[in-house]
């Protein structure tokens, strides 16, 4: 199963969404994996009490563990949602900041 958390750390939600879009475009199986990851994230996370909480540092029996997080769970859901939307449209919006007037 595809897991967005395995992707290299990205600078932004939009970069992750764009990478997901590029990876899955014109591939129904990959698109379904992204949709399933989004569904699982929302049903197992946002719909449950404390579902978006995460532990990034802990100590037990004198042993300390910490974890660097690329995207928090809310940002992960947003990246997945954007990728799903863009895949259904068939394109990702441009990244430029140009303004056109007609």
C-alpha atoms as a PDB file:
ATOM      1  CA  UNK A   1       0.000   0.000   0.000  1.00  0.00           C
ATOM      2  CA  UNK A   2       1.270   3.485  -0.834  1.00  0.00           C
ATOM      3  CA  UNK A   3       2.226   5.584   2.170  1.00  0.00           C
ATOM      4  CA  UNK A   4       2.834   9.300   1.662  1.00  0.00           C
ATOM      5  CA  UNK A   5       4.975   9.327   4.812  1.00  0.00           C
ATOM      6  CA  UNK A   6       7.623   7.326   2.942  1.00  0.00           C
ATOM      7  CA  UNK A   7       8.187  10.148   0.474  1.00  0.00           C
ATOM      8  CA  UNK A   8      11.209  12.385   0.952  1.00  0.00           C
ATOM      9  CA  UNK A   9      10.547  15.375   3.151  1.00  0.00           C
ATOM     10  CA  UNK A  10       9.006  18.127   1.077  1.00  0.00           C
ATOM     11  CA  UNK A  11       9.009  21.847   1.593  1.00  0.00           C
ATOM     12  CA  UNK A  12       5.256  22.252   1.296  1.00  0.00           C
ATOM     13  CA  UNK A  13       1.880  20.583   1.011  1.00  0.00           C
ATOM     14  CA  UNK A  14       1.654  21.752  -2.607  1.00  0.00           C
ATOM     15  CA  UNK A  15       4.988  20.175  -3.536  1.00  0.00           C
ATOM     16  CA  UNK A  16       3.884  16.834  -2.059  1.00  0.00           C
ATOM     17  CA  UNK A  17       0.514  17.087  -3.843  1.00  0.00           C
ATOM     18  CA  UNK A  18       2.268  17.908  -7.121  1.00  0.00           C
ATOM     19  CA  UNK A  19       4.614  14.902  -6.672  1.00  0.00           C
ATOM     20  CA  UNK A  20       1.650  12.637  -5.987  1.00  0.00           C
ATOM     21  CA  UNK A  21      -0.156  13.983  -9.042  1.00  0.00           C
ATOM     22  CA  UNK A  22       2.884  13.408 -11.266  1.00  0.00           C
ATOM     23  CA  UNK A  23       3.324   9.891  -9.866  1.00  0.00           C
ATOM     24  CA  UNK A  24      -0.310   8.879 -10.388  1.00  0.00           C
ATOM     25  CA  UNK A  25      -1.390  10.783 -13.513  1.00  0.00           C
ATOM     26  CA  UNK A  26      -2.879   8.441 -16.133  1.00  0.00           C
ATOM     27  CA  UNK A  27      -2.481   5.452 -13.798  1.00  0.00           C
ATOM     28  CA  UNK A  28      -5.794   4.240 -12.329  1.00  0.00           C
ATOM     29  CA  UNK A  29      -4.134   1.938  -9.780  1.00  0.00           C
ATOM     30  CA  UNK A  30      -1.954   4.713  -8.356  1.00  0.00           C
ATOM     31  CA  UNK A  31      -4.860   7.157  -8.356  1.00  0.00           C
ATOM     32  CA  UNK A  32      -6.904   4.616  -6.386  1.00  0.00           C
ATOM     33  CA  UNK A  33      -4.025   4.260  -3.900  1.00  0.00           C
ATOM     34  CA  UNK A  34      -3.991   8.008  -3.280  1.00  0.00           C
ATOM     35  CA  UNK A  35      -7.781   8.070  -2.855  1.00  0.00           C
ATOM     36  CA  UNK A  36      -7.573   5.132  -0.431  1.00  0.00           C
ATOM     37  CA  UNK A  37      -4.775   6.815   1.548  1.00  0.00           C
ATOM     38  CA  UNK A  38      -6.926   9.952   1.838  1.00  0.00           C
ATOM     39  CA  UNK A  39      -9.993   7.955   2.900  1.00  0.00           C
ATOM     40  CA  UNK A  40      -7.967   6.017   5.488  1.00  0.00           C
ATOM     41  CA  UNK A  41      -6.373   9.190   6.806  1.00  0.00           C
ATOM     42  CA  UNK A  42      -9.684  10.952   7.309  1.00  0.00           C
ATOM     43  CA  UNK A  43     -11.603   7.979   8.719  1.00  0.00           C
ATOM     44  CA  UNK A  44      -8.743   6.859  10.962  1.00  0.00           C
ATOM     45  CA  UNK A  45      -7.567  10.327  11.868  1.00  0.00           C
ATOM     46  CA  UNK A  46      -9.802  13.365  11.577  1.00  0.00           C
ATOM     47  CA  UNK A  47     -12.970  11.453  12.437  1.00  0.00           C
ATOM     48  CA  UNK A  48     -11.528  10.025  15.661  1.00  0.00           C
ATOM     49  CA  UNK A  49     -10.901  11.906  18.890  1.00  0.00           C
ATOM     50  CA  UNK A  50      -7.229  12.841  19.010  1.00  0.00           C
ATOM     51  CA  UNK A  51      -6.733  11.312  15.585  1.00  0.00           C
ATOM     52  CA  UNK A  52      -4.560  14.144  14.338  1.00  0.00           C
ATOM     53  CA  UNK A  53      -2.304  14.053  17.412  1.00  0.00           C
ATOM     54  CA  UNK A  54       1.222  12.727  17.003  1.00  0.00           C
ATOM     55  CA  UNK A  55       4.099  12.013  19.335  1.00  0.00           C
ATOM     56  CA  UNK A  56       7.390  13.454  18.114  1.00  0.00           C
ATOM     57  CA  UNK A  57       9.462  12.907  21.249  1.00  0.00           C
ATOM     58  CA  UNK A  58       9.159  10.395  24.090  1.00  0.00           C
ATOM     59  CA  UNK A  59      11.144   8.862  26.942  1.00  0.00           C
ATOM     60  CA  UNK A  60      10.624   5.432  28.492  1.00  0.00           C
ATOM     61  CA  UNK A  61      12.926   3.619  30.910  1.00  0.00           C
ATOM     62  CA  UNK A  62      15.632   6.211  30.324  1.00  0.00           C
ATOM     63  CA  UNK A  63      15.566   5.779  26.545  1.00  0.00           C
ATOM     64  CA  UNK A  64      14.637   8.847  24.515  1.00  0.00           C
ATOM     65  CA  UNK A  65      13.193   8.676  21.029  1.00  0.00           C
ATOM     66  CA  UNK A  66      12.430  11.589  18.743  1.00  0.00           C
ATOM     67  CA  UNK A  67      11.170  11.717  15.193  1.00  0.00           C
ATOM     68  CA  UNK A  68      11.489  14.355  12.506  1.00  0.00           C
ATOM     69  CA  UNK A  69       8.142  14.906  10.826  1.00  0.00           C
ATOM     70  CA  UNK A  70       7.993  15.965   7.171  1.00  0.00           C
ATOM     71  CA  UNK A  71       4.291  16.769   7.165  1.00  0.00           C
ATOM     72  CA  UNK A  72       1.927  16.676  10.101  1.00  0.00           C
ATOM     73  CA  UNK A  73      -1.220  14.609   9.627  1.00  0.00           C
ATOM     74  CA  UNK A  74      -3.399  17.593   8.726  1.00  0.00           C
ATOM     75  CA  UNK A  75      -0.942  18.689   6.019  1.00  0.00           C
ATOM     76  CA  UNK A  76      -0.701  15.096   4.781  1.00  0.00           C
ATOM     77  CA  UNK A  77      -4.499  14.990   4.406  1.00  0.00           C
ATOM     78  CA  UNK A  78      -4.431  18.295   2.550  1.00  0.00           C
ATOM     79  CA  UNK A  79      -1.735  17.064   0.140  1.00  0.00           C
ATOM     80  CA  UNK A  80      -3.708  13.880  -0.514  1.00  0.00           C
ATOM     81  CA  UNK A  81      -6.944  15.833  -1.025  1.00  0.00           C
ATOM     82  CA  UNK A  82      -5.294  18.216  -3.487  1.00  0.00           C
ATOM     83  CA  UNK A  83      -3.772  15.328  -5.422  1.00  0.00           C
ATOM     84  CA  UNK A  84      -7.154  13.586  -5.604  1.00  0.00           C
ATOM     85  CA  UNK A  85      -8.831  16.785  -6.829  1.00  0.00           C
ATOM     86  CA  UNK A  86      -6.146  17.445  -9.443  1.00  0.00           C
ATOM     87  CA  UNK A  87      -6.225  13.835 -10.645  1.00  0.00           C
ATOM     88  CA  UNK A  88      -9.998  14.029 -11.111  1.00  0.00           C
ATOM     89  CA  UNK A  89      -9.547  17.250 -13.118  1.00  0.00           C
ATOM     90  CA  UNK A  90      -6.718  15.734 -15.147  1.00  0.00           C
ATOM     91  CA  UNK A  91      -4.283  18.563 -14.482  1.00  0.00           C
ATOM     92  CA  UNK A  92      -2.490  20.335 -11.655  1.00  0.00           C
ATOM     93  CA  UNK A  93      -2.741  24.110 -11.488  1.00  0.00           C
ATOM     94  CA  UNK A  94       0.262  26.114 -12.597  1.00  0.00           C
ATOM     95  CA  UNK A  95       2.846  27.234 -10.085  1.00  0.00           C
ATOM     96  CA  UNK A  96       3.436  30.697 -11.521  1.00  0.00           C
ATOM     97  CA  UNK A  97       2.031  33.864 -10.060  1.00  0.00           C
ATOM     98  CA  UNK A  98       1.195  35.542 -13.335  1.00  0.00           C
ATOM     99  CA  UNK A  99      -1.885  37.668 -13.705  1.00  0.00           C
ATOM    100  CA  UNK A 100      -3.700  37.787 -17.015  1.00  0.00           C
ATOM    101  CA  UNK A 101      -6.453  40.257 -17.857  1.00  0.00           C
ATOM    102  CA  UNK A 102      -8.663  40.144 -20.897  1.00  0.00           C
END
